[in-house]
Amino acid sequence: MMISPVEERRPAVRAALRSIQWATLAFLVAIGIGPLYMTVKGAVSPSADLIARPLALWPADPRPENFALAWADLGIGGYLLNTVQVVGGAWAVQLVVAVTAGFALSVLRPWFGRWVYGAILATMFVPYTVSMVSLFMTVIDLGMVDTYWSIWLPAGANAFNVLLAKRFFDALPAELFAAARIDGATTWQLLTRIVLPMSRPIVAVISLLAVMHSWKDFIWPLVALTDPDKQPISVALANLAEQAPQDELIAAMAMALAPPVLIFLVFQKYIVAGLGFTGVKG
């Protein structure tokens, strides 16, 4: 709805606009925070309270010790450590592949670069489940089943991260690279001394996207890691759902949610800044 500046000066119109804006903000906050709040509420609720009063805003008898019980009884600490290993390796592989591929396609510009770039973008139209069988057969042939390499290496094949890196590097001044080459800079020096120091926003974006995706990934770790002692928290929670007490299970879910939520809250400004530099929307 378009409102002219003259109409916007009217008190009634201004009050209506403010009301709509505040109502929209409250609705979005409720959608975003509501599930997190209910998870925390369920984590400190006794099992009987969850059954008798599932929609209560807060339990009558809060039990924060559910977190300690879940940590001790369900072995959440070990699963979180597995998740950190999975996420750390996947993050490193995705970052290296995205930065080097984006640098090659944007700065080095080989004659076949556009064909490679087109092939990379074409993979974005292939559903993930379509390639899962062939990927699993490849992992078996390479002997990587039940190893974290089966998670780390496929994570590098992320076309969206390459797209982000290339779009960011395209915006860097080409004159800077030409001057560096005249001064005798090698390709490695171009990358490490010029491109990377200027690329902190997009590095932060790729890092956060990699961490968020790897932390919540469920299907591929379930397929590639059959050893329960190596499975991340996303797979472990699904296995524990059939045997763990409900209150301890929800407490474990809350602990699994905490790290990515905190990381996003701390570094969200870098996501906005990095995506603004790339010009990618949506």
Protein backbone atom coordinates (compact mmCIF):
# COMPACT_ATOMS: atom_id res chain seq x y z
CA MET A 1 0.00 0.00 0.00
CA MET A 2 1.42 3.34 -1.09
CA ILE A 3 0.83 6.39 1.12
CA SER A 4 1.70 9.88 0.00
CA PRO A 5 3.82 12.14 2.23
CA VAL A 6 0.79 14.40 2.76
CA GLU A 7 -1.36 11.56 4.07
CA GLU A 8 1.50 10.27 6.19
CA ARG A 9 1.53 13.55 8.15
CA ARG A 10 -2.02 12.98 9.37
CA PRO A 11 -2.09 11.74 12.99
CA ALA A 12 -4.66 9.03 12.28
CA VAL A 13 -2.70 7.62 9.33
CA ARG A 14 0.57 7.78 11.26
CA ALA A 15 -0.99 5.99 14.23
CA ALA A 16 -2.42 3.27 11.98
CA LEU A 17 0.96 2.74 10.32
CA ARG A 18 2.71 2.49 13.69
CA SER A 19 0.11 -0.01 14.91
CA ILE A 20 0.54 -2.19 11.83
CA GLN A 21 4.34 -2.05 12.13
CA TRP A 22 4.33 -2.99 15.81
CA ALA A 23 1.79 -5.77 15.24
CA THR A 24 3.88 -7.18 12.41
CA LEU A 25 7.03 -7.01 14.53
CA ALA A 26 5.32 -8.76 17.44
CA PHE A 27 4.02 -11.48 15.12
CA LEU A 28 7.47 -12.11 13.64
CA VAL A 29 9.09 -12.16 17.09
CA ALA A 30 6.50 -14.66 18.31
CA ILE A 31 7.13 -16.92 15.32
CA GLY A 32 10.91 -16.74 15.80
CA ILE A 33 11.19 -16.93 19.58
CA GLY A 34 8.07 -18.98 20.33
CA PRO A 35 9.52 -22.41 19.42
CA LEU A 36 12.76 -21.66 21.29
CA TYR A 37 10.83 -20.57 24.37
CA MET A 38 8.63 -23.67 24.32
CA THR A 39 11.73 -25.85 23.99
CA VAL A 40 13.30 -24.25 27.07
CA LYS A 41 9.98 -24.51 28.90
CA GLY A 42 9.73 -28.21 28.04
CA ALA A 43 13.33 -28.77 29.07
CA VAL A 44 12.64 -27.67 32.66
CA SER A 45 9.21 -29.35 32.93
CA PRO A 46 8.59 -32.70 34.65
CA SER A 47 7.31 -35.45 32.37
CA ALA A 48 3.94 -35.48 34.15
CA ASP A 49 3.57 -31.74 33.64
CA LEU A 50 4.32 -32.09 29.93
CA ILE A 51 1.46 -34.57 29.61
CA ALA A 52 -1.05 -32.82 31.87
CA ARG A 53 -0.37 -29.20 30.82
CA PRO A 54 1.40 -29.26 27.43
CA LEU A 55 0.32 -25.69 26.49
CA ALA A 56 1.14 -24.05 29.82
CA LEU A 57 3.42 -21.02 29.55
CA TRP A 58 5.63 -22.26 32.39
CA PRO A 59 5.77 -25.44 34.49
CA ALA A 60 4.31 -25.38 37.99
CA ASP A 61 7.43 -27.12 39.34
CA PRO A 62 10.46 -26.21 37.18
CA ARG A 63 13.27 -28.79 37.12
CA PRO A 64 16.47 -27.24 35.76
CA GLU A 65 18.29 -30.39 36.84
CA ASN A 66 16.90 -32.00 33.67
CA PHE A 67 19.89 -30.56 31.84
CA ALA A 68 22.35 -32.33 34.16
CA LEU A 69 20.36 -35.56 33.94
CA ALA A 70 20.31 -35.42 30.14
CA TRP A 71 24.03 -34.72 30.06
CA ALA A 72 24.83 -37.66 32.35
CA ASP A 73 22.19 -40.23 31.39
CA LEU A 74 21.98 -39.65 27.63
CA GLY A 75 25.66 -38.92 26.99
CA ILE A 76 24.92 -35.58 25.33
CA GLY A 77 28.47 -34.37 25.93
CA GLY A 78 29.93 -37.07 23.67
CA TYR A 79 27.41 -36.40 20.92
CA LEU A 80 28.10 -32.67 21.06
CA LEU A 81 31.83 -33.39 20.77
CA ASN A 82 31.11 -35.53 17.69
CA THR A 83 29.06 -32.67 16.27
CA VAL A 84 31.90 -30.21 16.80
CA GLN A 85 34.24 -32.51 14.87
CA VAL A 86 31.73 -32.93 12.04
CA VAL A 87 31.00 -29.21 11.84
CA GLY A 88 34.64 -28.17 12.14
CA GLY A 89 35.83 -30.36 9.28
CA ALA A 90 32.85 -29.51 7.05
CA TRP A 91 33.39 -25.80 7.71
CA ALA A 92 37.09 -25.98 6.78
CA VAL A 93 36.46 -27.92 3.55
CA GLN A 94 33.61 -25.64 2.46
CA LEU A 95 35.62 -22.52 3.16
CA VAL A 96 38.70 -23.71 1.26
CA VAL A 97 36.68 -24.88 -1.75
CA ALA A 98 34.49 -21.77 -1.94
CA VAL A 99 37.34 -19.26 -1.56
CA THR A 100 39.74 -20.96 -3.97
CA ALA A 101 37.03 -21.67 -6.57
CA GLY A 102 35.64 -18.15 -6.34
CA PHE A 103 39.14 -16.69 -6.59
CA ALA A 104 39.98 -18.77 -9.65
CA LEU A 105 36.73 -17.97 -11.45
CA SER A 106 36.67 -14.27 -10.58
CA VAL A 107 40.32 -13.17 -10.44
CA LEU A 108 42.33 -15.67 -12.48
CA ARG A 109 39.58 -16.07 -15.12
CA PRO A 110 40.77 -19.13 -17.10
CA TRP A 111 39.34 -19.52 -20.60
CA PHE A 112 37.19 -22.46 -19.51
CA GLY A 113 36.03 -20.68 -16.37
CA ARG A 114 32.53 -19.87 -17.60
CA TRP A 115 31.92 -23.52 -18.47
CA VAL A 116 33.07 -24.64 -15.04
CA TYR A 117 30.97 -21.95 -13.39
CA GLY A 118 27.93 -23.03 -15.40
CA ALA A 119 28.45 -26.65 -14.37
CA ILE A 120 28.74 -25.61 -10.71
CA LEU A 121 25.51 -23.62 -10.89
CA ALA A 122 23.76 -26.50 -12.66
CA THR A 123 24.29 -28.67 -9.58
CA MET A 124 22.01 -26.31 -7.64
CA PHE A 125 19.07 -27.66 -9.69
CA VAL A 126 19.79 -31.28 -8.78
CA PRO A 127 17.83 -32.43 -5.67
CA TYR A 128 20.05 -33.59 -2.86
CA THR A 129 18.27 -36.92 -2.54
CA VAL A 130 18.90 -37.76 -6.22
CA SER A 131 22.67 -37.88 -5.77
CA MET A 132 22.63 -39.56 -2.36
CA VAL A 133 22.77 -43.14 -3.66
CA SER A 134 25.70 -42.48 -5.99
CA LEU A 135 27.44 -40.51 -3.25
CA PHE A 136 27.01 -43.36 -0.80
CA MET A 137 28.37 -45.88 -3.32
CA THR A 138 31.39 -43.61 -3.84
CA VAL A 139 31.97 -43.42 -0.08
CA ILE A 140 31.84 -47.21 0.14
CA ASP A 141 34.32 -47.63 -2.73
CA LEU A 142 36.73 -45.20 -1.06
CA GLY A 143 36.42 -46.96 2.30
CA MET A 144 35.22 -43.85 4.11
CA VAL A 145 32.05 -45.26 5.70
CA ASP A 146 31.92 -44.51 9.44
CA THR A 147 34.66 -41.90 9.11
CA TYR A 148 34.19 -38.15 9.31
CA TRP A 149 35.78 -37.79 5.87
CA SER A 150 32.51 -39.11 4.45
CA ILE A 151 30.89 -35.94 5.86
CA TRP A 152 33.69 -33.45 5.33
CA LEU A 153 34.55 -34.06 1.66
CA PRO A 154 30.98 -34.03 0.23
CA ALA A 155 30.32 -30.83 2.19
CA GLY A 156 32.78 -29.01 -0.07
CA ALA A 157 30.49 -29.50 -3.08
CA ASN A 158 28.35 -26.50 -2.19
CA ALA A 159 27.56 -24.43 -5.28
CA PHE A 160 25.89 -21.65 -3.32
CA ASN A 161 29.06 -20.91 -1.35
CA VAL A 162 31.05 -20.71 -4.59
CA LEU A 163 28.43 -18.34 -5.97
CA LEU A 164 28.71 -16.10 -2.92
CA ALA A 165 32.52 -16.03 -3.06
CA LYS A 166 32.63 -15.30 -6.80
CA ARG A 167 30.06 -12.51 -6.55
CA PHE A 168 32.07 -10.90 -3.76
CA PHE A 169 35.39 -11.19 -5.59
CA ASP A 170 33.80 -9.73 -8.74
CA ALA A 171 33.13 -6.54 -6.78
CA LEU A 172 36.80 -6.10 -5.82
CA PRO A 173 38.69 -3.57 -7.97
CA ALA A 174 40.48 -5.28 -10.86
CA GLU A 175 43.06 -2.46 -10.94
CA LEU A 176 44.34 -3.65 -7.59
CA PHE A 177 45.11 -7.10 -8.98
CA ALA A 178 46.73 -5.63 -12.09
CA ALA A 179 48.98 -3.41 -9.96
CA ALA A 180 49.97 -6.37 -7.77
CA ARG A 181 50.89 -8.43 -10.82
CA ILE A 182 53.02 -5.58 -12.15
CA ASP A 183 54.84 -5.53 -8.80
CA GLY A 184 55.62 -9.22 -9.22
CA ALA A 185 52.97 -10.77 -6.94
CA THR A 186 52.36 -14.47 -7.47
CA THR A 187 48.93 -16.08 -7.58
CA TRP A 188 49.34 -17.30 -4.01
CA GLN A 189 50.30 -13.82 -2.84
CA LEU A 190 47.28 -12.35 -4.63
CA LEU A 191 45.04 -14.70 -2.69
CA THR A 192 46.67 -14.51 0.74
CA ARG A 193 47.88 -10.90 0.88
CA ILE A 194 45.27 -9.03 -1.13
CA VAL A 195 42.04 -10.98 -1.59
CA LEU A 196 41.66 -12.67 1.80
CA PRO A 197 42.32 -9.56 3.94
CA MET A 198 39.58 -7.77 1.98
CA SER A 199 37.18 -10.72 2.15
CA ARG A 200 36.38 -10.98 5.83
CA PRO A 201 32.63 -10.28 5.36
CA ILE A 202 32.11 -13.05 2.82
CA VAL A 203 34.37 -15.44 4.74
CA ALA A 204 32.16 -14.82 7.78
CA VAL A 205 29.00 -15.46 5.74
CA ILE A 206 30.29 -18.72 4.25
CA SER A 207 31.55 -19.84 7.65
CA LEU A 208 28.22 -19.21 9.35
CA LEU A 209 26.20 -20.86 6.60
CA ALA A 210 28.52 -23.88 6.70
CA VAL A 211 28.27 -24.19 10.48
CA MET A 212 24.48 -23.82 10.52
CA HIS A 213 23.94 -26.36 7.73
CA SER A 214 26.38 -28.92 9.13
CA TRP A 215 25.01 -28.63 12.66
CA LYS A 216 21.43 -29.41 11.64
CA ASP A 217 22.18 -31.91 8.85
CA PHE A 218 20.47 -35.22 9.58
CA ILE A 219 19.97 -37.45 6.54
CA TRP A 220 23.55 -37.77 5.29
CA PRO A 221 25.18 -38.29 8.73
CA LEU A 222 22.52 -40.92 9.43
CA VAL A 223 23.49 -42.76 6.23
CA ALA A 224 27.27 -42.31 6.34
CA LEU A 225 27.87 -42.80 10.09
CA THR A 226 26.37 -46.06 11.30
CA ASP A 227 28.55 -46.24 14.43
CA PRO A 228 26.53 -44.67 17.31
CA ASP A 229 29.75 -43.55 19.00
CA LYS A 230 30.56 -41.29 16.03
CA GLN A 231 27.12 -39.87 15.27
CA PRO A 232 26.39 -36.15 15.78
CA ILE A 233 23.68 -34.79 18.05
CA SER A 234 21.10 -34.50 15.24
CA VAL A 235 21.19 -38.26 14.62
CA ALA A 236 21.59 -39.19 18.27
CA LEU A 237 18.43 -37.33 19.31
CA ALA A 238 16.37 -39.27 16.79
CA ASN A 239 17.76 -42.55 18.15
CA LEU A 240 17.21 -41.50 21.78
CA ALA A 241 13.61 -40.41 21.18
CA GLU A 242 12.32 -43.98 21.59
CA GLN A 243 13.96 -44.71 24.93
CA ALA A 244 14.80 -41.47 26.76
CA PRO A 245 12.41 -39.78 29.22
CA GLN A 246 10.57 -36.95 27.53
CA ASP A 247 11.79 -34.22 29.86
CA GLU A 248 15.45 -35.27 29.47
CA LEU A 249 15.02 -35.57 25.69
CA ILE A 250 13.70 -32.02 25.42
CA ALA A 251 16.52 -30.81 27.65
CA ALA A 252 18.96 -32.46 25.26
CA MET A 253 17.24 -30.72 22.35
CA ALA A 254 17.62 -27.38 24.09
CA MET A 255 21.34 -28.00 24.60
CA ALA A 256 21.67 -28.97 20.92
CA LEU A 257 19.94 -25.74 19.87
CA ALA A 258 22.00 -23.44 22.07
CA PRO A 259 25.36 -23.35 20.17
CA PRO A 260 24.04 -22.45 16.67
CA VAL A 261 21.58 -19.91 18.10
CA LEU A 262 24.33 -18.20 20.09
CA ILE A 263 26.69 -18.21 17.10
CA PHE A 264 24.02 -16.64 14.91
CA LEU A 265 23.16 -13.96 17.48
CA VAL A 266 26.81 -13.01 17.89
CA PHE A 267 27.71 -12.92 14.20
CA GLN A 268 24.42 -11.97 12.52
CA LYS A 269 25.71 -8.53 11.52
CA TYR A 270 28.45 -10.16 9.45
CA ILE A 271 25.83 -12.16 7.55
CA VAL A 272 23.93 -9.00 6.63
CA ALA A 273 27.11 -7.17 5.69
CA GLY A 274 28.47 -10.04 3.60
CA LEU A 275 25.25 -10.63 1.69
CA GLY A 276 25.00 -6.90 1.08
CA PHE A 277 28.44 -6.95 -0.58
CA THR A 278 27.54 -9.92 -2.78
CA GLY A 279 24.25 -8.48 -3.93
CA VAL A 280 22.54 -11.86 -3.35
CA LYS A 281 19.00 -11.52 -2.10
CA GLY A 282 16.47 -13.97 -0.71
